[in-house]
Amino acid sequence: MFSHIFVGITDFDRALSFYDALFEILGVESRFCERDRPWAGWQSAGQQRPYFAISRPHNGQPHEPGNGQMVAFMANTREAVRQAHARALKNGGTCEGPPGLRPEYHAHYYGA
C-alpha cells in the first residue's frame, strides 16, 4: 500500500542522529544518505518498499505543519498514477506537480 513516508525536518544532523540510533535498535537499514541535499532514508532489511525518509522541505521553505510531509501510495503503472492524480484533483486535492518522472528521487520514479 505505501511506497514511502517522507517527514520534513529543520535540523538534518540532529534528525539523522535520532533516526540512525532508533533504527539500529529496530533493525531498519539505511537506504541512502545525501548530506549535501540533505536527505536520508531507511528501509526494512532486504526490502525496497515501503521506506521512511527525512529532509528539509523540497520547496526550500521552512518545515511547518503541512510543508515537508509526504505519504506516497504505490501504483502499479504510470497510467494508474495519472488516473489517481486526476481523481484526487476532482475530489478536492491540490496539484504540486503534474504526473511525470521525478529524476531527483531516482531515474525511473514516476509520480504526481
PDB file of N, CA and C in Angstrom:
ATOM      1  N   MET A   1       0.813  -1.186   0.000  1.00  0.00           N
ATOM      2  CA  MET A   1       0.000   0.000   0.000  1.00  0.00           C
ATOM      3  C   MET A   1       0.862   1.257   0.000  1.00  0.00           C
ATOM      4  N   PHE A   2       1.815   1.367   0.915  1.00  0.00           N
ATOM      5  CA  PHE A   2       2.646   2.552   0.973  1.00  0.00           C
ATOM      6  C   PHE A   2       3.907   2.361   0.154  1.00  0.00           C
ATOM      7  N   SER A   3       4.299   3.412  -0.528  1.00  0.00           N
ATOM      8  CA  SER A   3       5.590   3.460  -1.187  1.00  0.00           C
ATOM      9  C   SER A   3       6.615   3.978  -0.186  1.00  0.00           C
ATOM     10  N   HIS A   4       6.309   5.164   0.372  1.00  0.00           N
ATOM     11  CA  HIS A   4       7.213   5.753   1.344  1.00  0.00           C
ATOM     12  C   HIS A   4       6.490   6.809   2.173  1.00  0.00           C
ATOM     13  N   ILE A   5       7.095   7.123   3.279  1.00  0.00           N
ATOM     14  CA  ILE A   5       6.634   8.214   4.138  1.00  0.00           C
ATOM     15  C   ILE A   5       7.804   9.179   4.258  1.00  0.00           C
ATOM     16  N   PHE A   6       7.528  10.435   4.018  1.00  0.00           N
ATOM     17  CA  PHE A   6       8.543  11.484   3.998  1.00  0.00           C
ATOM     18  C   PHE A   6       8.211  12.479   5.094  1.00  0.00           C
ATOM     19  N   VAL A   7       9.173  12.757   5.972  1.00  0.00           N
ATOM     20  CA  VAL A   7       8.959  13.671   7.084  1.00  0.00           C
ATOM     21  C   VAL A   7       9.918  14.849   6.949  1.00  0.00           C
ATOM     22  N   GLY A   8       9.360  16.042   6.925  1.00  0.00           N
ATOM     23  CA  GLY A   8      10.170  17.253   6.861  1.00  0.00           C
ATOM     24  C   GLY A   8      10.849  17.526   8.194  1.00  0.00           C
ATOM     25  N   ILE A   9      12.062  18.023   8.126  1.00  0.00           N
ATOM     26  CA  ILE A   9      12.837  18.325   9.333  1.00  0.00           C
ATOM     27  C   ILE A   9      13.494  19.698   9.172  1.00  0.00           C
ATOM     28  N   THR A  10      13.936  20.268  10.289  1.00  0.00           N
ATOM     29  CA  THR A  10      14.631  21.547  10.229  1.00  0.00           C
ATOM     30  C   THR A  10      16.126  21.390  10.497  1.00  0.00           C
ATOM     31  N   ASP A  11      16.494  20.411  11.314  1.00  0.00           N
ATOM     32  CA  ASP A  11      17.894  20.198  11.684  1.00  0.00           C
ATOM     33  C   ASP A  11      18.288  18.796  11.210  1.00  0.00           C
ATOM     34  N   PHE A  12      18.890  18.713  10.022  1.00  0.00           N
ATOM     35  CA  PHE A  12      19.184  17.416   9.417  1.00  0.00           C
ATOM     36  C   PHE A  12      20.102  16.563  10.283  1.00  0.00           C
ATOM     37  N   ASP A  13      21.199  17.125  10.774  1.00  0.00           N
ATOM     38  CA  ASP A  13      22.143  16.325  11.562  1.00  0.00           C
ATOM     39  C   ASP A  13      21.495  15.768  12.825  1.00  0.00           C
ATOM     40  N   ARG A  14      20.696  16.571  13.477  1.00  0.00           N
ATOM     41  CA  ARG A  14      20.013  16.108  14.694  1.00  0.00           C
ATOM     42  C   ARG A  14      19.022  14.998  14.358  1.00  0.00           C
ATOM     43  N   ALA A  15      18.238  15.187  13.306  1.00  0.00           N
ATOM     44  CA  ALA A  15      17.258  14.173  12.915  1.00  0.00           C
ATOM     45  C   ALA A  15      17.953  12.892  12.458  1.00  0.00           C
ATOM     46  N   LEU A  16      19.032  13.036  11.704  1.00  0.00           N
ATOM     47  CA  LEU A  16      19.774  11.863  11.231  1.00  0.00           C
ATOM     48  C   LEU A  16      20.309  11.056  12.413  1.00  0.00           C
ATOM     49  N   SER A  17      20.886  11.720  13.386  1.00  0.00           N
ATOM     50  CA  SER A  17      21.400  11.035  14.577  1.00  0.00           C
ATOM     51  C   SER A  17      20.272  10.317  15.316  1.00  0.00           C
ATOM     52  N   PHE A  18      19.138  10.988  15.444  1.00  0.00           N
ATOM     53  CA  PHE A  18      17.992  10.399  16.139  1.00  0.00           C
ATOM     54  C   PHE A  18      17.520   9.135  15.431  1.00  0.00           C
ATOM     55  N   TYR A  19      17.243   9.230  14.125  1.00  0.00           N
ATOM     56  CA  TYR A  19      16.696   8.079  13.402  1.00  0.00           C
ATOM     57  C   TYR A  19      17.725   6.971  13.218  1.00  0.00           C
ATOM     58  N   ASP A  20      18.989   7.308  12.994  1.00  0.00           N
ATOM     59  CA  ASP A  20      20.029   6.271  12.912  1.00  0.00           C
ATOM     60  C   ASP A  20      20.060   5.440  14.191  1.00  0.00           C
ATOM     61  N   ALA A  21      20.025   6.105  15.335  1.00  0.00           N
ATOM     62  CA  ALA A  21      20.068   5.396  16.618  1.00  0.00           C
ATOM     63  C   ALA A  21      18.808   4.560  16.825  1.00  0.00           C
ATOM     64  N   LEU A  22      17.663   5.117  16.514  1.00  0.00           N
ATOM     65  CA  LEU A  22      16.396   4.409  16.678  1.00  0.00           C
ATOM     66  C   LEU A  22      16.323   3.188  15.766  1.00  0.00           C
ATOM     67  N   PHE A  23      16.664   3.385  14.496  1.00  0.00           N
ATOM     68  CA  PHE A  23      16.522   2.295  13.530  1.00  0.00           C
ATOM     69  C   PHE A  23      17.564   1.199  13.732  1.00  0.00           C
ATOM     70  N   GLU A  24      18.711   1.529  14.331  1.00  0.00           N
ATOM     71  CA  GLU A  24      19.688   0.495  14.663  1.00  0.00           C
ATOM     72  C   GLU A  24      19.062  -0.508  15.631  1.00  0.00           C
ATOM     73  N   ILE A  25      18.338  -0.011  16.610  1.00  0.00           N
ATOM     74  CA  ILE A  25      17.655  -0.866  17.590  1.00  0.00           C
ATOM     75  C   ILE A  25      16.567  -1.690  16.907  1.00  0.00           C
ATOM     76  N   LEU A  26      15.833  -1.082  15.973  1.00  0.00           N
ATOM     77  CA  LEU A  26      14.698  -1.740  15.329  1.00  0.00           C
ATOM     78  C   LEU A  26      15.105  -2.640  14.160  1.00  0.00           C
ATOM     79  N   GLY A  27      16.380  -2.641  13.792  1.00  0.00           N
ATOM     80  CA  GLY A  27      16.829  -3.474  12.685  1.00  0.00           C
ATOM     81  C   GLY A  27      16.439  -2.936  11.317  1.00  0.00           C
ATOM     82  N   VAL A  28      16.236  -1.618  11.242  1.00  0.00           N
ATOM     83  CA  VAL A  28      15.906  -0.966   9.972  1.00  0.00           C
ATOM     84  C   VAL A  28      17.221  -0.484   9.365  1.00  0.00           C
ATOM     85  N   GLU A  29      17.429  -0.738   8.067  1.00  0.00           N
ATOM     86  CA  GLU A  29      18.718  -0.418   7.458  1.00  0.00           C
ATOM     87  C   GLU A  29      18.682   0.867   6.637  1.00  0.00           C
ATOM     88  N   SER A  30      19.822   1.496   6.564  1.00  0.00           N
ATOM     89  CA  SER A  30      19.957   2.718   5.767  1.00  0.00           C
ATOM     90  C   SER A  30      19.775   2.396   4.293  1.00  0.00           C
ATOM     91  N   ARG A  31      19.023   3.232   3.606  1.00  0.00           N
ATOM     92  CA  ARG A  31      18.830   3.094   2.162  1.00  0.00           C
ATOM     93  C   ARG A  31      19.685   4.107   1.414  1.00  0.00           C
ATOM     94  N   PHE A  32      19.732   5.343   1.919  1.00  0.00           N
ATOM     95  CA  PHE A  32      20.560   6.393   1.321  1.00  0.00           C
ATOM     96  C   PHE A  32      20.758   7.507   2.330  1.00  0.00           C
ATOM     97  N   CYS A  33      21.807   8.273   2.130  1.00  0.00           N
ATOM     98  CA  CYS A  33      22.058   9.460   2.943  1.00  0.00           C
ATOM     99  C   CYS A  33      22.881  10.416   2.084  1.00  0.00           C
ATOM    100  N   GLU A  34      22.312  11.561   1.777  1.00  0.00           N
ATOM    101  CA  GLU A  34      22.986  12.587   0.990  1.00  0.00           C
ATOM    102  C   GLU A  34      23.011  13.868   1.822  1.00  0.00           C
ATOM    103  N   ARG A  35      24.113  14.076   2.514  1.00  0.00           N
ATOM    104  CA  ARG A  35      24.228  15.224   3.415  1.00  0.00           C
ATOM    105  C   ARG A  35      24.194  16.558   2.671  1.00  0.00           C
ATOM    106  N   ASP A  36      24.649  16.600   1.432  1.00  0.00           N
ATOM    107  CA  ASP A  36      24.671  17.871   0.702  1.00  0.00           C
ATOM    108  C   ASP A  36      23.281  18.280   0.226  1.00  0.00           C
ATOM    109  N   ARG A  37      22.332  17.371   0.184  1.00  0.00           N
ATOM    110  CA  ARG A  37      20.988  17.692  -0.299  1.00  0.00           C
ATOM    111  C   ARG A  37      20.128  18.373   0.754  1.00  0.00           C
ATOM    112  N   PRO A  38      20.003  18.158   1.960  1.00  0.00           N
ATOM    113  CA  PRO A  38      20.261  16.937   2.706  1.00  0.00           C
ATOM    114  C   PRO A  38      18.991  16.094   2.815  1.00  0.00           C
ATOM    115  N   TRP A  39      19.170  14.777   2.659  1.00  0.00           N
ATOM    116  CA  TRP A  39      18.072  13.854   2.907  1.00  0.00           C
ATOM    117  C   TRP A  39      18.628  12.468   3.181  1.00  0.00           C
ATOM    118  N   ALA A  40      17.810  11.644   3.818  1.00  0.00           N
ATOM    119  CA  ALA A  40      18.218  10.282   4.159  1.00  0.00           C
ATOM    120  C   ALA A  40      16.974   9.408   4.194  1.00  0.00           C
ATOM    121  N   GLY A  41      17.180   8.115   3.967  1.00  0.00           N
ATOM    122  CA  GLY A  41      16.059   7.183   4.001  1.00  0.00           C
ATOM    123  C   GLY A  41      16.475   5.830   4.546  1.00  0.00           C
ATOM    124  N   TRP A  42      15.513   5.112   5.078  1.00  0.00           N
ATOM    125  CA  TRP A  42      15.733   3.790   5.663  1.00  0.00           C
ATOM    126  C   TRP A  42      14.654   2.850   5.172  1.00  0.00           C
ATOM    127  N   GLN A  43      14.968   1.551   5.211  1.00  0.00           N
ATOM    128  CA  GLN A  43      14.010   0.526   4.783  1.00  0.00           C
ATOM    129  C   GLN A  43      14.165  -0.705   5.662  1.00  0.00           C
ATOM    130  N   SER A  44      13.122  -1.528   5.667  1.00  0.00           N
ATOM    131  CA  SER A  44      13.214  -2.804   6.364  1.00  0.00           C
ATOM    132  C   SER A  44      14.261  -3.652   5.674  1.00  0.00           C
ATOM    133  N   ALA A  45      14.954  -4.470   6.443  1.00  0.00           N
ATOM    134  CA  ALA A  45      16.033  -5.300   5.906  1.00  0.00           C
ATOM    135  C   ALA A  45      15.558  -6.105   4.697  1.00  0.00           C
ATOM    136  N   GLY A  46      16.293  -5.963   3.601  1.00  0.00           N
ATOM    137  CA  GLY A  46      16.016  -6.724   2.392  1.00  0.00           C
ATOM    138  C   GLY A  46      14.818  -6.258   1.580  1.00  0.00           C
ATOM    139  N   GLN A  47      14.208  -5.164   1.949  1.00  0.00           N
ATOM    140  CA  GLN A  47      13.011  -4.671   1.255  1.00  0.00           C
ATOM    141  C   GLN A  47      13.283  -3.310   0.617  1.00  0.00           C
ATOM    142  N   GLN A  48      12.695  -3.046  -0.530  1.00  0.00           N
ATOM    143  CA  GLN A  48      12.811  -1.737  -1.168  1.00  0.00           C
ATOM    144  C   GLN A  48      11.690  -0.786  -0.746  1.00  0.00           C
ATOM    145  N   ARG A  49      10.522  -1.325  -0.440  1.00  0.00           N
ATOM    146  CA  ARG A  49       9.362  -0.523  -0.068  1.00  0.00           C
ATOM    147  C   ARG A  49       8.622  -1.227   1.049  1.00  0.00           C
ATOM    148  N   PRO A  50       7.954  -0.499   1.883  1.00  0.00           N
ATOM    149  CA  PRO A  50       7.987   0.953   1.968  1.00  0.00           C
ATOM    150  C   PRO A  50       9.279   1.425   2.618  1.00  0.00           C
ATOM    151  N   TYR A  51       9.565   2.702   2.446  1.00  0.00           N
ATOM    152  CA  TYR A  51      10.717   3.265   3.142  1.00  0.00           C
ATOM    153  C   TYR A  51      10.328   4.576   3.803  1.00  0.00           C
ATOM    154  N   PHE A  52      11.172   5.008   4.721  1.00  0.00           N
ATOM    155  CA  PHE A  52      10.960   6.204   5.521  1.00  0.00           C
ATOM    156  C   PHE A  52      12.076   7.182   5.185  1.00  0.00           C
ATOM    157  N   ALA A  53      11.725   8.437   4.906  1.00  0.00           N
ATOM    158  CA  ALA A  53      12.732   9.426   4.519  1.00  0.00           C
ATOM    159  C   ALA A  53      12.556  10.718   5.309  1.00  0.00           C
ATOM    160  N   ILE A  54      13.683  11.400   5.508  1.00  0.00           N
ATOM    161  CA  ILE A  54      13.680  12.725   6.138  1.00  0.00           C
ATOM    162  C   ILE A  54      14.428  13.695   5.224  1.00  0.00           C
ATOM    163  N   SER A  55      14.020  14.952   5.274  1.00  0.00           N
ATOM    164  CA  SER A  55      14.703  16.003   4.520  1.00  0.00           C
ATOM    165  C   SER A  55      14.117  17.344   4.910  1.00  0.00           C
ATOM    166  N   ARG A  56      14.847  18.391   4.551  1.00  0.00           N
ATOM    167  CA  ARG A  56      14.214  19.704   4.585  1.00  0.00           C
ATOM    168  C   ARG A  56      13.187  19.704   3.454  1.00  0.00           C
ATOM    169  N   PRO A  57      12.108  20.489   3.566  1.00  0.00           N
ATOM    170  CA  PRO A  57      11.112  20.513   2.509  1.00  0.00           C
ATOM    171  C   PRO A  57      11.739  20.819   1.140  1.00  0.00           C
ATOM    172  N   HIS A  58      11.266  20.121   0.126  1.00  0.00           N
ATOM    173  CA  HIS A  58      11.800  20.229  -1.232  1.00  0.00           C
ATOM    174  C   HIS A  58      11.689  21.650  -1.789  1.00  0.00           C
ATOM    175  N   ASN A  59      10.648  22.393  -1.367  1.00  0.00           N
ATOM    176  CA  ASN A  59      10.449  23.738  -1.915  1.00  0.00           C
ATOM    177  C   ASN A  59      11.346  24.790  -1.269  1.00  0.00           C
ATOM    178  N   GLY A  60      12.200  24.378  -0.325  1.00  0.00           N
ATOM    179  CA  GLY A  60      13.130  25.306   0.296  1.00  0.00           C
ATOM    180  C   GLY A  60      12.532  26.163   1.400  1.00  0.00           C
ATOM    181  N   GLN A  61      11.227  26.063   1.600  1.00  0.00           N
ATOM    182  CA  GLN A  61      10.569  26.826   2.656  1.00  0.00           C
ATOM    183  C   GLN A  61      10.784  26.120   3.992  1.00  0.00           C
ATOM    184  N   PRO A  62      10.609  26.835   5.088  1.00  0.00           N
ATOM    185  CA  PRO A  62      10.789  26.202   6.402  1.00  0.00           C
ATOM    186  C   PRO A  62       9.805  25.059   6.617  1.00  0.00           C
ATOM    187  N   HIS A  63      10.259  24.064   7.372  1.00  0.00           N
ATOM    188  CA  HIS A  63       9.369  22.974   7.750  1.00  0.00           C
ATOM    189  C   HIS A  63       8.327  23.520   8.716  1.00  0.00           C
ATOM    190  N   GLU A  64       7.081  23.210   8.465  1.00  0.00           N
ATOM    191  CA  GLU A  64       5.972  23.553   9.344  1.00  0.00           C
ATOM    192  C   GLU A  64       4.850  22.579   9.043  1.00  0.00           C
ATOM    193  N   PRO A  65       3.846  22.488   9.891  1.00  0.00           N
ATOM    194  CA  PRO A  65       2.764  21.555   9.605  1.00  0.00           C
ATOM    195  C   PRO A  65       2.224  21.762   8.187  1.00  0.00           C
ATOM    196  N   GLY A  66       2.150  20.698   7.436  1.00  0.00           N
ATOM    197  CA  GLY A  66       1.644  20.763   6.066  1.00  0.00           C
ATOM    198  C   GLY A  66       2.714  21.010   5.028  1.00  0.00           C
ATOM    199  N   ASN A  67       3.938  21.351   5.408  1.00  0.00           N
ATOM    200  CA  ASN A  67       5.019  21.548   4.444  1.00  0.00           C
ATOM    201  C   ASN A  67       6.170  20.637   4.836  1.00  0.00           C
ATOM    202  N   GLY A  68       6.479  19.710   3.974  1.00  0.00           N
ATOM    203  CA  GLY A  68       7.590  18.822   4.242  1.00  0.00           C
ATOM    204  C   GLY A  68       7.171  17.407   4.591  1.00  0.00           C
ATOM    205  N   GLN A  69       5.875  17.130   4.611  1.00  0.00           N
ATOM    206  CA  GLN A  69       5.391  15.789   4.855  1.00  0.00           C
ATOM    207  C   GLN A  69       4.923  15.164   3.535  1.00  0.00           C
ATOM    208  N   MET A  70       5.115  13.866   3.394  1.00  0.00           N
ATOM    209  CA  MET A  70       4.621  13.175   2.213  1.00  0.00           C
ATOM    210  C   MET A  70       4.359  11.725   2.574  1.00  0.00           C
ATOM    211  N   VAL A  71       3.188  11.257   2.207  1.00  0.00           N
ATOM    212  CA  VAL A  71       2.893   9.838   2.255  1.00  0.00           C
ATOM    213  C   VAL A  71       2.583   9.452   0.824  1.00  0.00           C
ATOM    214  N   ALA A  72       3.342   8.533   0.265  1.00  0.00           N
ATOM    215  CA  ALA A  72       3.188   8.151  -1.144  1.00  0.00           C
ATOM    216  C   ALA A  72       2.592   6.756  -1.239  1.00  0.00           C
ATOM    217  N   PHE A  73       1.556   6.625  -2.026  1.00  0.00           N
ATOM    218  CA  PHE A  73       0.917   5.338  -2.252  1.00  0.00           C
ATOM    219  C   PHE A  73       1.497   4.686  -3.503  1.00  0.00           C
ATOM    220  N   MET A  74       1.628   3.377  -3.465  1.00  0.00           N
ATOM    221  CA  MET A  74       2.143   2.632  -4.609  1.00  0.00           C
ATOM    222  C   MET A  74       1.101   2.599  -5.729  1.00  0.00           C
ATOM    223  N   ALA A  75       1.565   2.660  -6.951  1.00  0.00           N
ATOM    224  CA  ALA A  75       0.727   2.476  -8.134  1.00  0.00           C
ATOM    225  C   ALA A  75       1.435   1.472  -9.033  1.00  0.00           C
ATOM    226  N   ASN A  76       0.670   0.609  -9.665  1.00  0.00           N
ATOM    227  CA  ASN A  76       1.263  -0.438 -10.487  1.00  0.00           C
ATOM    228  C   ASN A  76       1.726   0.036 -11.855  1.00  0.00           C
ATOM    229  N   THR A  77       1.152   1.146 -12.344  1.00  0.00           N
ATOM    230  CA  THR A  77       1.507   1.646 -13.674  1.00  0.00           C
ATOM    231  C   THR A  77       1.523   3.170 -13.669  1.00  0.00           C
ATOM    232  N   ARG A  78       2.146   3.734 -14.677  1.00  0.00           N
ATOM    233  CA  ARG A  78       2.130   5.193 -14.831  1.00  0.00           C
ATOM    234  C   ARG A  78       0.721   5.686 -15.133  1.00  0.00           C
ATOM    235  N   GLU A  79      -0.033   4.889 -15.864  1.00  0.00           N
ATOM    236  CA  GLU A  79      -1.426   5.252 -16.144  1.00  0.00           C
ATOM    237  C   GLU A  79      -2.225   5.338 -14.848  1.00  0.00           C
ATOM    238  N   ALA A  80      -1.968   4.437 -13.929  1.00  0.00           N
ATOM    239  CA  ALA A  80      -2.658   4.491 -12.630  1.00  0.00           C
ATOM    240  C   ALA A  80      -2.287   5.770 -11.886  1.00  0.00           C
ATOM    241  N   VAL A  81      -1.033   6.221 -11.988  1.00  0.00           N
ATOM    242  CA  VAL A  81      -0.625   7.485 -11.373  1.00  0.00           C
ATOM    243  C   VAL A  81      -1.414   8.632 -11.992  1.00  0.00           C
ATOM    244  N   ARG A  82      -1.515   8.652 -13.311  1.00  0.00           N
ATOM    245  CA  ARG A  82      -2.253   9.720 -13.996  1.00  0.00           C
ATOM    246  C   ARG A  82      -3.728   9.730 -13.576  1.00  0.00           C
ATOM    247  N   GLN A  83      -4.322   8.553 -13.520  1.00  0.00           N
ATOM    248  CA  GLN A  83      -5.728   8.467 -13.136  1.00  0.00           C
ATOM    249  C   GLN A  83      -5.940   8.872 -11.680  1.00  0.00           C
ATOM    250  N   ALA A  84      -5.050   8.439 -10.803  1.00  0.00           N
ATOM    251  CA  ALA A  84      -5.170   8.790  -9.392  1.00  0.00           C
ATOM    252  C   ALA A  84      -5.012  10.301  -9.195  1.00  0.00           C
ATOM    253  N   HIS A  85      -4.085  10.906  -9.928  1.00  0.00           N
ATOM    254  CA  HIS A  85      -3.880  12.350  -9.849  1.00  0.00           C
ATOM    255  C   HIS A  85      -5.144  13.083 -10.284  1.00  0.00           C
ATOM    256  N   ALA A  86      -5.725  12.677 -11.399  1.00  0.00           N
ATOM    257  CA  ALA A  86      -6.947  13.311 -11.899  1.00  0.00           C
ATOM    258  C   ALA A  86      -8.091  13.152 -10.903  1.00  0.00           C
ATOM    259  N   ARG A  87      -8.224  11.980 -10.351  1.00  0.00           N
ATOM    260  CA  ARG A  87      -9.295  11.726  -9.384  1.00  0.00           C
ATOM    261  C   ARG A  87      -9.093  12.548  -8.120  1.00  0.00           C
ATOM    262  N   ALA A  88      -7.851  12.655  -7.668  1.00  0.00           N
ATOM    263  CA  ALA A  88      -7.566  13.443  -6.466  1.00  0.00           C
ATOM    264  C   ALA A  88      -7.932  14.912  -6.686  1.00  0.00           C
ATOM    265  N   LEU A  89      -7.583  15.454  -7.842  1.00  0.00           N
ATOM    266  CA  LEU A  89      -7.929  16.846  -8.144  1.00  0.00           C
ATOM    267  C   LEU A  89      -9.439  17.026  -8.209  1.00  0.00           C
ATOM    268  N   LYS A  90     -10.129  16.074  -8.809  1.00  0.00           N
ATOM    269  CA  LYS A  90     -11.585  16.137  -8.929  1.00  0.00           C
ATOM    270  C   LYS A  90     -12.254  16.137  -7.565  1.00  0.00           C
ATOM    271  N   ASN A  91     -11.606  15.522  -6.594  1.00  0.00           N
ATOM    272  CA  ASN A  91     -12.199  15.388  -5.271  1.00  0.00           C
ATOM    273  C   ASN A  91     -11.595  16.322  -4.230  1.00  0.00           C
ATOM    274  N   GLY A  92     -11.021  17.435  -4.690  1.00  0.00           N
ATOM    275  CA  GLY A  92     -10.584  18.472  -3.768  1.00  0.00           C
ATOM    276  C   GLY A  92      -9.095  18.534  -3.495  1.00  0.00           C
ATOM    277  N   GLY A  93      -8.311  17.654  -4.107  1.00  0.00           N
ATOM    278  CA  GLY A  93      -6.863  17.696  -3.921  1.00  0.00           C
ATOM    279  C   GLY A  93      -6.249  18.894  -4.626  1.00  0.00           C
ATOM    280  N   THR A  94      -5.020  19.195  -4.306  1.00  0.00           N
ATOM    281  CA  THR A  94      -4.286  20.254  -4.977  1.00  0.00           C
ATOM    282  C   THR A  94      -3.079  19.638  -5.673  1.00  0.00           C
ATOM    283  N   CYS A  95      -2.627  20.291  -6.716  1.00  0.00           N
ATOM    284  CA  CYS A  95      -1.525  19.775  -7.527  1.00  0.00           C
ATOM    285  C   CYS A  95      -0.222  20.456  -7.136  1.00  0.00           C
ATOM    286  N   GLU A  96       0.769  19.641  -6.781  1.00  0.00           N
ATOM    287  CA  GLU A  96       2.112  20.149  -6.515  1.00  0.00           C
ATOM    288  C   GLU A  96       3.062  19.691  -7.605  1.00  0.00           C
ATOM    289  N   GLY A  97       2.497  19.315  -8.748  1.00  0.00           N
ATOM    290  CA  GLY A  97       3.272  18.867  -9.889  1.00  0.00           C
ATOM    291  C   GLY A  97       2.494  17.817 -10.651  1.00  0.00           C
ATOM    292  N   PRO A  98       2.368  17.976 -11.959  1.00  0.00           N
ATOM    293  CA  PRO A  98       1.617  17.003 -12.747  1.00  0.00           C
ATOM    294  C   PRO A  98       2.329  15.652 -12.787  1.00  0.00           C
ATOM    295  N   PRO A  99       1.614  14.600 -13.161  1.00  0.00           N
ATOM    296  CA  PRO A  99       2.257  13.288 -13.281  1.00  0.00           C
ATOM    297  C   PRO A  99       3.465  13.363 -14.212  1.00  0.00           C
ATOM    298  N   GLY A 100       4.540  12.717 -13.792  1.00  0.00           N
ATOM    299  CA  GLY A 100       5.739  12.704 -14.617  1.00  0.00           C
ATOM    300  C   GLY A 100       6.909  12.095 -13.876  1.00  0.00           C
ATOM    301  N   LEU A 101       8.020  12.009 -14.574  1.00  0.00           N
ATOM    302  CA  LEU A 101       9.240  11.486 -13.966  1.00  0.00           C
ATOM    303  C   LEU A 101       9.775  12.477 -12.941  1.00  0.00           C
ATOM    304  N   ARG A 102      10.338  11.960 -11.879  1.00  0.00           N
ATOM    305  CA  ARG A 102      10.960  12.765 -10.830  1.00  0.00           C
ATOM    306  C   ARG A 102      12.397  12.267 -10.659  1.00  0.00           C
ATOM    307  N   PRO A 103      13.290  12.609 -11.591  1.00  0.00           N
ATOM    308  CA  PRO A 103      14.657  12.083 -11.540  1.00  0.00           C
ATOM    309  C   PRO A 103      15.441  12.536 -10.314  1.00  0.00           C
ATOM    310  N   GLU A 104      14.961  13.563  -9.609  1.00  0.00           N
ATOM    311  CA  GLU A 104      15.642  13.967  -8.386  1.00  0.00           C
ATOM    312  C   GLU A 104      15.512  12.902  -7.299  1.00  0.00           C
ATOM    313  N   TYR A 105      14.531  12.000  -7.435  1.00  0.00           N
ATOM    314  CA  TYR A 105      14.381  10.878  -6.500  1.00  0.00           C
ATOM    315  C   TYR A 105      15.166   9.672  -7.008  1.00  0.00           C
ATOM    316  N   HIS A 106      14.885   9.245  -8.233  1.00  0.00           N
ATOM    317  CA  HIS A 106      15.691   8.247  -8.929  1.00  0.00           C
ATOM    318  C   HIS A 106      15.247   8.216 -10.386  1.00  0.00           C
ATOM    319  N   ALA A 107      16.008   7.599 -11.238  1.00  0.00           N
ATOM    320  CA  ALA A 107      15.833   7.693 -12.694  1.00  0.00           C
ATOM    321  C   ALA A 107      14.453   7.280 -13.185  1.00  0.00           C
ATOM    322  N   HIS A 108      13.796   6.339 -12.522  1.00  0.00           N
ATOM    323  CA  HIS A 108      12.526   5.829 -13.035  1.00  0.00           C
ATOM    324  C   HIS A 108      11.331   6.182 -12.147  1.00  0.00           C
ATOM    325  N   TYR A 109      11.543   7.067 -11.185  1.00  0.00           N
ATOM    326  CA  TYR A 109      10.448   7.447 -10.287  1.00  0.00           C
ATOM    327  C   TYR A 109       9.434   8.261 -11.079  1.00  0.00           C
ATOM    328  N   TYR A 110       8.188   7.821 -11.033  1.00  0.00           N
ATOM    329  CA  TYR A 110       7.104   8.483 -11.728  1.00  0.00           C
ATOM    330  C   TYR A 110       6.022   8.777 -10.694  1.00  0.00           C
ATOM    331  N   GLY A 111       5.697  10.029 -10.514  1.00  0.00           N
ATOM    332  CA  GLY A 111       4.722  10.388  -9.501  1.00  0.00           C
ATOM    333  C   GLY A 111       3.978  11.646  -9.859  1.00  0.00           C
ATOM    334  N   ALA A 112       3.096  12.066  -8.947  1.00  0.00           N
ATOM    335  CA  ALA A 112       2.317  13.290  -9.134  1.00  0.00           C
ATOM    336  C   ALA A 112       2.055  13.907  -7.775  1.00  0.00           C
TER     337      ALA A 112
END
